Structures are given as structure tokens and as C-alpha cells.
Amino acid sequence: MEEFLRYVIGSLVEFPEDVVLKKTETPSTVSFLVAARASDIPKIIGKSGHTIRALRTLLNASADKRNMTATLEIIEP
């Protein structure tokens, strides 16, 4: 899941080297926090939140296969 997010988010933003992805995991939940340049955050969110919503959907589908739940949040650096 983490590699997938790094790849997709890195492809969306202008400065992929500045993207920071933090992962916290419990037995039933995995949480990802994404920090990026302020100019790249709208690219991750997308129009009306469609891109971030799609990322969360794909992340949850992957987590469901492992009997887990997943969250994805964007934080301001």
C-alpha cells in the first residue's frame, strides 16, 4: 500500500522529492499522512476532491483484502 501511494502521489505532484509519507499501523488499521509543498496539495486533492477520494477508495480496497481499514490524510508541512 505504501509503495502504491508513493508512486501515485509522486506522479501527481511537481516536486515528488518533497513528498513525505508517514505510516502508522495497528493490527486492524493503517493510517497514512501525506505532507507536500503547498503548491502540490491541490494536485493531490484534485477538483472537488475527486483525486483524493479515488486514492482513498483504492487504499481501502487494498486494506479490505487484509481485513483492515485504511485512512489517508493530507497535512500542512
PDB file of N, CA and C in Angstrom:
ATOM      1  N   MET A   1       0.826  -1.199   0.000  1.00  0.00           N
ATOM      2  CA  MET A   1       0.000   0.000   0.000  1.00  0.00           C
ATOM      3  C   MET A   1       0.868   1.259   0.000  1.00  0.00           C
ATOM      4  N   GLU A   2       1.912   1.251   0.810  1.00  0.00           N
ATOM      5  CA  GLU A   2       2.758   2.432   0.914  1.00  0.00           C
ATOM      6  C   GLU A   2       3.479   2.718  -0.407  1.00  0.00           C
ATOM      7  N   GLU A   3       3.974   1.684  -1.056  1.00  0.00           N
ATOM      8  CA  GLU A   3       4.660   1.873  -2.323  1.00  0.00           C
ATOM      9  C   GLU A   3       3.706   2.410  -3.383  1.00  0.00           C
ATOM     10  N   PHE A   4       2.477   1.895  -3.376  1.00  0.00           N
ATOM     11  CA  PHE A   4       1.454   2.368  -4.304  1.00  0.00           C
ATOM     12  C   PHE A   4       1.206   3.862  -4.116  1.00  0.00           C
ATOM     13  N   LEU A   5       1.025   4.290  -2.874  1.00  0.00           N
ATOM     14  CA  LEU A   5       0.781   5.705  -2.604  1.00  0.00           C
ATOM     15  C   LEU A   5       1.967   6.565  -3.019  1.00  0.00           C
ATOM     16  N   ARG A   6       3.172   6.119  -2.714  1.00  0.00           N
ATOM     17  CA  ARG A   6       4.364   6.880  -3.120  1.00  0.00           C
ATOM     18  C   ARG A   6       4.419   7.054  -4.636  1.00  0.00           C
ATOM     19  N   TYR A   7       4.128   5.997  -5.349  1.00  0.00           N
ATOM     20  CA  TYR A   7       4.174   6.049  -6.804  1.00  0.00           C
ATOM     21  C   TYR A   7       3.108   6.999  -7.361  1.00  0.00           C
ATOM     22  N   VAL A   8       1.876   6.840  -6.932  1.00  0.00           N
ATOM     23  CA  VAL A   8       0.782   7.638  -7.478  1.00  0.00           C
ATOM     24  C   VAL A   8       0.930   9.109  -7.091  1.00  0.00           C
ATOM     25  N   ILE A   9       1.178   9.383  -5.825  1.00  0.00           N
ATOM     26  CA  ILE A   9       1.311  10.772  -5.391  1.00  0.00           C
ATOM     27  C   ILE A   9       2.540  11.413  -6.030  1.00  0.00           C
ATOM     28  N   GLY A  10       3.627  10.662  -6.141  1.00  0.00           N
ATOM     29  CA  GLY A  10       4.822  11.176  -6.796  1.00  0.00           C
ATOM     30  C   GLY A  10       4.580  11.526  -8.254  1.00  0.00           C
ATOM     31  N   SER A  11       3.680  10.790  -8.899  1.00  0.00           N
ATOM     32  CA  SER A  11       3.344  11.062 -10.294  1.00  0.00           C
ATOM     33  C   SER A  11       2.439  12.281 -10.443  1.00  0.00           C
ATOM     34  N   LEU A  12       1.687  12.594  -9.414  1.00  0.00           N
ATOM     35  CA  LEU A  12       0.746  13.712  -9.482  1.00  0.00           C
ATOM     36  C   LEU A  12       1.398  15.072  -9.251  1.00  0.00           C
ATOM     37  N   VAL A  13       2.404  15.113  -8.400  1.00  0.00           N
ATOM     38  CA  VAL A  13       2.947  16.390  -7.948  1.00  0.00           C
ATOM     39  C   VAL A  13       4.118  16.852  -8.808  1.00  0.00           C
ATOM     40  N   GLU A  14       4.431  18.134  -8.695  1.00  0.00           N
ATOM     41  CA  GLU A  14       5.545  18.714  -9.436  1.00  0.00           C
ATOM     42  C   GLU A  14       6.887  18.432  -8.761  1.00  0.00           C
ATOM     43  N   PHE A  15       6.873  18.338  -7.421  1.00  0.00           N
ATOM     44  CA  PHE A  15       8.090  18.108  -6.653  1.00  0.00           C
ATOM     45  C   PHE A  15       7.965  16.829  -5.826  1.00  0.00           C
ATOM     46  N   PRO A  16       8.105  15.647  -6.455  1.00  0.00           N
ATOM     47  CA  PRO A  16       7.927  14.383  -5.723  1.00  0.00           C
ATOM     48  C   PRO A  16       8.965  14.163  -4.626  1.00  0.00           C
ATOM     49  N   GLU A  17      10.121  14.789  -4.746  1.00  0.00           N
ATOM     50  CA  GLU A  17      11.154  14.613  -3.721  1.00  0.00           C
ATOM     51  C   GLU A  17      10.779  15.286  -2.405  1.00  0.00           C
ATOM     52  N   ASP A  18       9.811  16.208  -2.441  1.00  0.00           N
ATOM     53  CA  ASP A  18       9.377  16.904  -1.231  1.00  0.00           C
ATOM     54  C   ASP A  18       8.174  16.253  -0.553  1.00  0.00           C
ATOM     55  N   VAL A  19       7.654  15.188  -1.119  1.00  0.00           N
ATOM     56  CA  VAL A  19       6.504  14.500  -0.535  1.00  0.00           C
ATOM     57  C   VAL A  19       6.987  13.630   0.619  1.00  0.00           C
ATOM     58  N   VAL A  20       6.337  13.786   1.766  1.00  0.00           N
ATOM     59  CA  VAL A  20       6.649  12.974   2.946  1.00  0.00           C
ATOM     60  C   VAL A  20       5.413  12.128   3.258  1.00  0.00           C
ATOM     61  N   LEU A  21       5.613  10.829   3.343  1.00  0.00           N
ATOM     62  CA  LEU A  21       4.525   9.903   3.626  1.00  0.00           C
ATOM     63  C   LEU A  21       4.841   9.184   4.928  1.00  0.00           C
ATOM     64  N   LYS A  22       3.989   9.391   5.935  1.00  0.00           N
ATOM     65  CA  LYS A  22       4.171   8.720   7.222  1.00  0.00           C
ATOM     66  C   LYS A  22       3.082   7.672   7.393  1.00  0.00           C
ATOM     67  N   LYS A  23       3.502   6.512   7.880  1.00  0.00           N
ATOM     68  CA  LYS A  23       2.579   5.387   8.049  1.00  0.00           C
ATOM     69  C   LYS A  23       2.546   4.972   9.507  1.00  0.00           C
ATOM     70  N   THR A  24       1.349   4.821  10.036  1.00  0.00           N
ATOM     71  CA  THR A  24       1.175   4.242  11.367  1.00  0.00           C
ATOM     72  C   THR A  24       0.222   3.062  11.218  1.00  0.00           C
ATOM     73  N   GLU A  25       0.549   1.990  11.907  1.00  0.00           N
ATOM     74  CA  GLU A  25      -0.215   0.762  11.720  1.00  0.00           C
ATOM     75  C   GLU A  25      -0.545   0.121  13.058  1.00  0.00           C
ATOM     76  N   THR A  26      -1.774  -0.346  13.166  1.00  0.00           N
ATOM     77  CA  THR A  26      -2.222  -1.164  14.286  1.00  0.00           C
ATOM     78  C   THR A  26      -2.688  -2.488  13.679  1.00  0.00           C
ATOM     79  N   PRO A  27      -3.047  -3.452  14.486  1.00  0.00           N
ATOM     80  CA  PRO A  27      -3.481  -4.731  13.908  1.00  0.00           C
ATOM     81  C   PRO A  27      -4.683  -4.626  12.960  1.00  0.00           C
ATOM     82  N   SER A  28      -5.538  -3.634  13.147  1.00  0.00           N
ATOM     83  CA  SER A  28      -6.725  -3.548  12.296  1.00  0.00           C
ATOM     84  C   SER A  28      -6.806  -2.278  11.456  1.00  0.00           C
ATOM     85  N   THR A  29      -5.874  -1.361  11.627  1.00  0.00           N
ATOM     86  CA  THR A  29      -5.932  -0.086  10.914  1.00  0.00           C
ATOM     87  C   THR A  29      -4.555   0.334  10.434  1.00  0.00           C
ATOM     88  N   VAL A  30      -4.529   0.934   9.269  1.00  0.00           N
ATOM     89  CA  VAL A  30      -3.304   1.554   8.765  1.00  0.00           C
ATOM     90  C   VAL A  30      -3.663   2.988   8.369  1.00  0.00           C
ATOM     91  N   SER A  31      -2.837   3.932   8.819  1.00  0.00           N
ATOM     92  CA  SER A  31      -3.081   5.344   8.555  1.00  0.00           C
ATOM     93  C   SER A  31      -1.881   5.937   7.836  1.00  0.00           C
ATOM     94  N   PHE A  32      -2.170   6.754   6.839  1.00  0.00           N
ATOM     95  CA  PHE A  32      -1.130   7.439   6.091  1.00  0.00           C
ATOM     96  C   PHE A  32      -1.343   8.934   6.202  1.00  0.00           C
ATOM     97  N   LEU A  33      -0.266   9.652   6.482  1.00  0.00           N
ATOM     98  CA  LEU A  33      -0.275  11.110   6.500  1.00  0.00           C
ATOM     99  C   LEU A  33       0.653  11.573   5.391  1.00  0.00           C
ATOM    100  N   VAL A  34       0.159  12.474   4.555  1.00  0.00           N
ATOM    101  CA  VAL A  34       0.929  12.968   3.424  1.00  0.00           C
ATOM    102  C   VAL A  34       1.187  14.453   3.618  1.00  0.00           C
ATOM    103  N   ALA A  35       2.458  14.840   3.487  1.00  0.00           N
ATOM    104  CA  ALA A  35       2.843  16.246   3.505  1.00  0.00           C
ATOM    105  C   ALA A  35       3.547  16.543   2.189  1.00  0.00           C
ATOM    106  N   ALA A  36       3.230  17.685   1.606  1.00  0.00           N
ATOM    107  CA  ALA A  36       3.841  18.085   0.344  1.00  0.00           C
ATOM    108  C   ALA A  36       3.905  19.605   0.304  1.00  0.00           C
ATOM    109  N   ARG A  37       4.572  20.120  -0.712  1.00  0.00           N
ATOM    110  CA  ARG A  37       4.606  21.574  -0.893  1.00  0.00           C
ATOM    111  C   ARG A  37       3.190  22.101  -1.039  1.00  0.00           C
ATOM    112  N   ALA A  38       2.992  23.322  -0.588  1.00  0.00           N
ATOM    113  CA  ALA A  38       1.660  23.932  -0.654  1.00  0.00           C
ATOM    114  C   ALA A  38       1.147  23.995  -2.087  1.00  0.00           C
ATOM    115  N   SER A  39       2.039  24.180  -3.049  1.00  0.00           N
ATOM    116  CA  SER A  39       1.613  24.251  -4.451  1.00  0.00           C
ATOM    117  C   SER A  39       1.210  22.886  -5.010  1.00  0.00           C
ATOM    118  N   ASP A  40       1.646  21.811  -4.372  1.00  0.00           N
ATOM    119  CA  ASP A  40       1.318  20.465  -4.842  1.00  0.00           C
ATOM    120  C   ASP A  40       0.064  19.884  -4.190  1.00  0.00           C
ATOM    121  N   ILE A  41      -0.344  20.416  -3.083  1.00  0.00           N
ATOM    122  CA  ILE A  41      -1.504  19.857  -2.370  1.00  0.00           C
ATOM    123  C   ILE A  41      -2.781  19.885  -3.214  1.00  0.00           C
ATOM    124  N   PRO A  42      -3.078  20.973  -3.934  1.00  0.00           N
ATOM    125  CA  PRO A  42      -4.285  20.930  -4.785  1.00  0.00           C
ATOM    126  C   PRO A  42      -4.236  19.835  -5.851  1.00  0.00           C
ATOM    127  N   LYS A  43      -3.048  19.472  -6.310  1.00  0.00           N
ATOM    128  CA  LYS A  43      -2.924  18.401  -7.298  1.00  0.00           C
ATOM    129  C   LYS A  43      -3.254  17.050  -6.683  1.00  0.00           C
ATOM    130  N   ILE A  44      -2.935  16.876  -5.406  1.00  0.00           N
ATOM    131  CA  ILE A  44      -3.254  15.623  -4.711  1.00  0.00           C
ATOM    132  C   ILE A  44      -4.751  15.551  -4.430  1.00  0.00           C
ATOM    133  N   ILE A  45      -5.335  16.676  -4.069  1.00  0.00           N
ATOM    134  CA  ILE A  45      -6.760  16.708  -3.746  1.00  0.00           C
ATOM    135  C   ILE A  45      -7.609  16.588  -5.010  1.00  0.00           C
ATOM    136  N   GLY A  46      -7.235  17.300  -6.062  1.00  0.00           N
ATOM    137  CA  GLY A  46      -7.990  17.254  -7.312  1.00  0.00           C
ATOM    138  C   GLY A  46      -9.220  18.133  -7.260  1.00  0.00           C
ATOM    139  N   LYS A  47      -9.877  18.256  -8.400  1.00  0.00           N
ATOM    140  CA  LYS A  47     -11.090  19.072  -8.490  1.00  0.00           C
ATOM    141  C   LYS A  47     -12.185  18.469  -7.638  1.00  0.00           C
ATOM    142  N   SER A  48     -12.714  19.274  -6.759  1.00  0.00           N
ATOM    143  CA  SER A  48     -13.804  18.862  -5.859  1.00  0.00           C
ATOM    144  C   SER A  48     -13.435  17.635  -5.035  1.00  0.00           C
ATOM    145  N   GLY A  49     -12.142  17.374  -4.863  1.00  0.00           N
ATOM    146  CA  GLY A  49     -11.709  16.250  -4.038  1.00  0.00           C
ATOM    147  C   GLY A  49     -11.772  14.898  -4.715  1.00  0.00           C
ATOM    148  N   HIS A  50     -11.948  14.882  -6.029  1.00  0.00           N
ATOM    149  CA  HIS A  50     -12.095  13.608  -6.731  1.00  0.00           C
ATOM    150  C   HIS A  50     -10.839  12.742  -6.666  1.00  0.00           C
ATOM    151  N   THR A  51      -9.672  13.341  -6.772  1.00  0.00           N
ATOM    152  CA  THR A  51      -8.431  12.560  -6.776  1.00  0.00           C
ATOM    153  C   THR A  51      -8.170  11.927  -5.413  1.00  0.00           C
ATOM    154  N   ILE A  52      -8.283  12.711  -4.347  1.00  0.00           N
ATOM    155  CA  ILE A  52      -8.041  12.162  -3.010  1.00  0.00           C
ATOM    156  C   ILE A  52      -9.094  11.108  -2.660  1.00  0.00           C
ATOM    157  N   ARG A  53     -10.311  11.313  -3.109  1.00  0.00           N
ATOM    158  CA  ARG A  53     -11.372  10.335  -2.862  1.00  0.00           C
ATOM    159  C   ARG A  53     -11.071   9.023  -3.580  1.00  0.00           C
ATOM    160  N   ALA A  54     -10.566   9.107  -4.814  1.00  0.00           N
ATOM    161  CA  ALA A  54     -10.204   7.901  -5.565  1.00  0.00           C
ATOM    162  C   ALA A  54      -9.040   7.181  -4.897  1.00  0.00           C
ATOM    163  N   LEU A  55      -8.049   7.933  -4.420  1.00  0.00           N
ATOM    164  CA  LEU A  55      -6.924   7.320  -3.713  1.00  0.00           C
ATOM    165  C   LEU A  55      -7.402   6.594  -2.456  1.00  0.00           C
ATOM    166  N   ARG A  56      -8.300   7.216  -1.718  1.00  0.00           N
ATOM    167  CA  ARG A  56      -8.828   6.586  -0.501  1.00  0.00           C
ATOM    168  C   ARG A  56      -9.609   5.322  -0.831  1.00  0.00           C
ATOM    169  N   THR A  57     -10.368   5.346  -1.924  1.00  0.00           N
ATOM    170  CA  THR A  57     -11.130   4.170  -2.335  1.00  0.00           C
ATOM    171  C   THR A  57     -10.199   3.012  -2.679  1.00  0.00           C
ATOM    172  N   LEU A  58      -9.161   3.288  -3.456  1.00  0.00           N
ATOM    173  CA  LEU A  58      -8.203   2.234  -3.817  1.00  0.00           C
ATOM    174  C   LEU A  58      -7.442   1.728  -2.592  1.00  0.00           C
ATOM    175  N   LEU A  59      -7.103   2.631  -1.703  1.00  0.00           N
ATOM    176  CA  LEU A  59      -6.402   2.252  -0.479  1.00  0.00           C
ATOM    177  C   LEU A  59      -7.279   1.358   0.392  1.00  0.00           C
ATOM    178  N   ASN A  60      -8.551   1.718   0.517  1.00  0.00           N
ATOM    179  CA  ASN A  60      -9.473   0.897   1.313  1.00  0.00           C
ATOM    180  C   ASN A  60      -9.729  -0.462   0.677  1.00  0.00           C
ATOM    181  N   ALA A  61      -9.752  -0.525  -0.648  1.00  0.00           N
ATOM    182  CA  ALA A  61      -9.925  -1.816  -1.315  1.00  0.00           C
ATOM    183  C   ALA A  61      -8.742  -2.735  -1.016  1.00  0.00           C
ATOM    184  N   SER A  62      -7.548  -2.175  -1.032  1.00  0.00           N
ATOM    185  CA  SER A  62      -6.360  -2.962  -0.701  1.00  0.00           C
ATOM    186  C   SER A  62      -6.370  -3.379   0.766  1.00  0.00           C
ATOM    187  N   ALA A  63      -6.780  -2.480   1.641  1.00  0.00           N
ATOM    188  CA  ALA A  63      -6.831  -2.792   3.070  1.00  0.00           C
ATOM    189  C   ALA A  63      -7.893  -3.846   3.374  1.00  0.00           C
ATOM    190  N   ASP A  64      -9.016  -3.806   2.662  1.00  0.00           N
ATOM    191  CA  ASP A  64     -10.078  -4.794   2.880  1.00  0.00           C
ATOM    192  C   ASP A  64      -9.591  -6.215   2.623  1.00  0.00           C
ATOM    193  N   LYS A  65      -8.700  -6.376   1.656  1.00  0.00           N
ATOM    194  CA  LYS A  65      -8.156  -7.706   1.366  1.00  0.00           C
ATOM    195  C   LYS A  65      -7.348  -8.242   2.537  1.00  0.00           C
ATOM    196  N   ARG A  66      -6.850  -7.336   3.378  1.00  0.00           N
ATOM    197  CA  ARG A  66      -6.064  -7.718   4.553  1.00  0.00           C
ATOM    198  C   ARG A  66      -6.896  -7.642   5.838  1.00  0.00           C
ATOM    199  N   ASN A  67      -8.207  -7.489   5.690  1.00  0.00           N
ATOM    200  CA  ASN A  67      -9.126  -7.342   6.825  1.00  0.00           C
ATOM    201  C   ASN A  67      -8.738  -6.161   7.711  1.00  0.00           C
ATOM    202  N   MET A  68      -8.416  -5.058   7.077  1.00  0.00           N
ATOM    203  CA  MET A  68      -8.021  -3.847   7.786  1.00  0.00           C
ATOM    204  C   MET A  68      -8.837  -2.673   7.256  1.00  0.00           C
ATOM    205  N   THR A  69      -8.726  -1.552   7.941  1.00  0.00           N
ATOM    206  CA  THR A  69      -9.266  -0.299   7.428  1.00  0.00           C
ATOM    207  C   THR A  69      -8.089   0.644   7.209  1.00  0.00           C
ATOM    208  N   ALA A  70      -8.255   1.580   6.292  1.00  0.00           N
ATOM    209  CA  ALA A  70      -7.166   2.492   5.965  1.00  0.00           C
ATOM    210  C   ALA A  70      -7.674   3.922   5.945  1.00  0.00           C
ATOM    211  N   THR A  71      -6.803   4.847   6.332  1.00  0.00           N
ATOM    212  CA  THR A  71      -7.114   6.270   6.249  1.00  0.00           C
ATOM    213  C   THR A  71      -5.972   6.970   5.530  1.00  0.00           C
ATOM    214  N   LEU A  72      -6.315   8.048   4.859  1.00  0.00           N
ATOM    215  CA  LEU A  72      -5.335   8.859   4.148  1.00  0.00           C
ATOM    216  C   LEU A  72      -5.677  10.318   4.415  1.00  0.00           C
ATOM    217  N   GLU A  73      -4.746  11.027   5.023  1.00  0.00           N
ATOM    218  CA  GLU A  73      -4.950  12.435   5.371  1.00  0.00           C
ATOM    219  C   GLU A  73      -3.805  13.269   4.818  1.00  0.00           C
ATOM    220  N   ILE A  74      -4.118  14.476   4.432  1.00  0.00           N
ATOM    221  CA  ILE A  74      -3.101  15.424   3.982  1.00  0.00           C
ATOM    222  C   ILE A  74      -2.872  16.416   5.112  1.00  0.00           C
ATOM    223  N   ILE A  75      -1.604  16.630   5.437  1.00  0.00           N
ATOM    224  CA  ILE A  75      -1.265  17.580   6.492  1.00  0.00           C
ATOM    225  C   ILE A  75      -0.448  18.711   5.893  1.00  0.00           C
ATOM    226  N   GLU A  76      -0.559  19.880   6.472  1.00  0.00           N
ATOM    227  CA  GLU A  76       0.218  21.020   6.023  1.00  0.00           C
ATOM    228  C   GLU A  76       1.616  20.919   6.613  1.00  0.00           C
ATOM    229  N   PRO A  77       2.652  21.098   5.788  1.00  0.00           N
ATOM    230  CA  PRO A  77       4.023  20.991   6.307  1.00  0.00           C
ATOM    231  C   PRO A  77       4.395  22.179   7.196  1.00  0.00           C
TER     232      PRO A  77
END
